[in-house]
Amino acid sequence: QVELVESGGGLVQPGGSLRLSCLASGSVGSITAMGWFRQAPGNGRELVAFIILGSRTTYADSVKGRFTISRDSAKNTVYLQMNSLKPEDTAVYYCYVDQLLRPRRWGQGTQVTVSS
């Protein structure tokens, strides 16, 4: 199985930046997509961004122009660069990976708090 470990979360002031990382280890063959969801208290899990086939990216409208997802295939790592952060970006951010003929795998989550 694939194991995912996220890092890079923390407390940041509005307008600041953070970079999340998600390292995939274990059976990492046949990865078709990696991405990020987030979940704020009292809300459902929301798709933030994903990247497929190494380069095609999709973003939620709420983060377009502020967040950038990228992937280093050699390191089996996906990144989420978050700029111009807003208080409403506060959430637990979860990384996921999709592989051929396998169920989606999730990371444990990393907390992002945007507050002055």
Protein backbone atom coordinates (compact mmCIF):
# COMPACT_ATOMS: atom_id res chain seq x y z
CA GLN A 1 0.00 0.00 0.00
CA VAL A 2 0.91 3.62 -0.42
CA GLU A 3 1.56 5.67 2.69
CA LEU A 4 1.21 9.44 2.53
CA VAL A 5 2.84 11.87 4.92
CA GLU A 6 1.98 15.57 4.79
CA SER A 7 4.06 18.39 6.19
CA GLY A 8 4.29 22.16 6.04
CA GLY A 9 1.15 23.24 7.84
CA GLY A 10 1.11 25.85 10.59
CA LEU A 11 -0.05 29.26 11.68
CA VAL A 12 0.28 32.17 9.28
CA GLN A 13 -1.05 35.71 9.14
CA PRO A 14 -3.55 36.75 6.46
CA GLY A 15 -1.72 37.49 3.24
CA GLY A 16 1.07 35.10 4.10
CA SER A 17 2.26 31.93 2.40
CA LEU A 18 2.75 28.29 3.23
CA ARG A 19 3.99 25.32 1.24
CA LEU A 20 2.53 21.91 1.94
CA SER A 21 4.32 18.74 0.95
CA CYS A 22 3.00 15.20 0.64
CA LEU A 23 5.44 12.31 0.32
CA ALA A 24 4.19 8.99 -1.03
CA SER A 25 6.04 5.83 -0.05
CA GLY A 26 5.49 2.10 -0.37
CA SER A 27 3.77 0.74 -3.47
CA VAL A 28 3.86 3.93 -5.53
CA GLY A 29 3.51 2.37 -8.97
CA SER A 30 0.75 3.39 -11.43
CA ILE A 31 -0.05 6.72 -9.77
CA THR A 32 -2.57 8.54 -11.96
CA ALA A 33 -3.32 11.58 -9.81
CA MET A 34 -2.41 13.31 -6.58
CA GLY A 35 -4.13 16.18 -4.90
CA TRP A 36 -5.40 18.00 -1.88
CA PHE A 37 -8.69 18.32 -0.07
CA ARG A 38 -9.39 20.42 2.98
CA GLN A 39 -11.92 20.33 5.77
CA ALA A 40 -12.83 23.23 8.03
CA PRO A 41 -14.65 22.70 11.34
CA GLY A 42 -18.31 21.97 10.72
CA ASN A 43 -17.83 21.64 6.97
CA GLY A 44 -17.49 18.75 4.57
CA ARG A 45 -14.29 17.83 2.80
CA GLU A 46 -13.63 20.22 -0.10
CA LEU A 47 -11.44 19.60 -3.13
CA VAL A 48 -8.64 22.16 -3.32
CA ALA A 49 -6.49 21.06 -6.27
CA PHE A 50 -5.23 18.00 -8.07
CA ILE A 51 -2.68 17.08 -10.70
CA ILE A 52 -3.02 14.20 -13.14
CA LEU A 53 -0.61 12.48 -15.54
CA GLY A 54 2.15 14.61 -14.12
CA SER A 55 1.10 17.98 -15.43
CA ARG A 56 -2.62 18.66 -15.87
CA THR A 57 -3.93 20.67 -12.93
CA THR A 58 -7.35 21.64 -11.61
CA TYR A 59 -8.21 24.08 -8.83
CA ALA A 60 -11.22 25.02 -6.79
CA ASP A 61 -12.52 28.46 -7.74
CA SER A 62 -11.83 29.68 -4.23
CA VAL A 63 -8.07 29.14 -4.58
CA LYS A 64 -7.42 29.90 -8.26
CA GLY A 65 -4.66 32.43 -8.71
CA ARG A 66 -3.44 31.94 -5.13
CA PHE A 67 -2.54 28.24 -4.85
CA THR A 68 -0.27 26.22 -7.08
CA ILE A 69 -0.03 22.43 -7.11
CA SER A 70 3.04 20.69 -8.45
CA ARG A 71 4.54 17.23 -8.40
CA ASP A 72 8.05 15.84 -8.33
CA SER A 73 7.60 12.36 -9.78
CA ALA A 74 11.16 11.34 -8.98
CA LYS A 75 10.53 12.08 -5.30
CA ASN A 76 6.91 10.85 -5.31
CA THR A 77 5.98 14.14 -3.73
CA VAL A 78 3.21 16.61 -4.41
CA TYR A 79 3.35 20.19 -3.24
CA LEU A 80 0.75 22.87 -2.60
CA GLN A 81 2.12 26.40 -2.64
CA MET A 82 -0.41 28.64 -0.93
CA ASN A 83 -0.06 32.40 -1.30
CA SER A 84 -2.25 35.32 -0.24
CA LEU A 85 -3.80 33.18 2.45
CA LYS A 86 -7.14 34.18 3.92
CA PRO A 87 -8.80 33.26 7.22
CA GLU A 88 -11.30 31.17 5.26
CA ASP A 89 -8.42 28.96 4.10
CA THR A 90 -8.13 27.70 7.67
CA ALA A 91 -8.69 23.94 7.61
CA VAL A 92 -7.08 20.56 7.88
CA TYR A 93 -5.49 19.79 4.53
CA TYR A 94 -5.44 16.19 3.32
CA CYS A 95 -3.30 14.78 0.56
CA TYR A 96 -4.56 11.88 -1.57
CA VAL A 97 -3.25 9.60 -4.30
CA ASP A 98 -5.10 7.68 -7.01
CA GLN A 99 -3.62 4.58 -8.59
CA LEU A 100 -4.84 2.20 -11.28
CA LEU A 101 -7.16 -0.48 -9.90
CA ARG A 102 -6.60 0.61 -6.31
CA PRO A 103 -8.71 2.57 -3.84
CA ARG A 104 -7.84 6.17 -3.09
CA ARG A 105 -5.34 6.61 -0.29
CA TRP A 106 -5.31 9.53 2.16
CA GLY A 107 -2.74 11.19 4.33
CA GLN A 108 -3.30 11.97 7.99
CA GLY A 109 -3.86 15.68 7.40
CA THR A 110 -2.00 18.84 8.33
CA GLN A 111 -3.52 21.88 10.04
CA VAL A 112 -3.38 25.27 8.34
CA THR A 113 -4.50 28.23 10.42
CA VAL A 114 -4.70 31.73 8.96
CA SER A 115 -5.12 34.31 11.69
CA SER A 116 -3.71 37.58 12.90
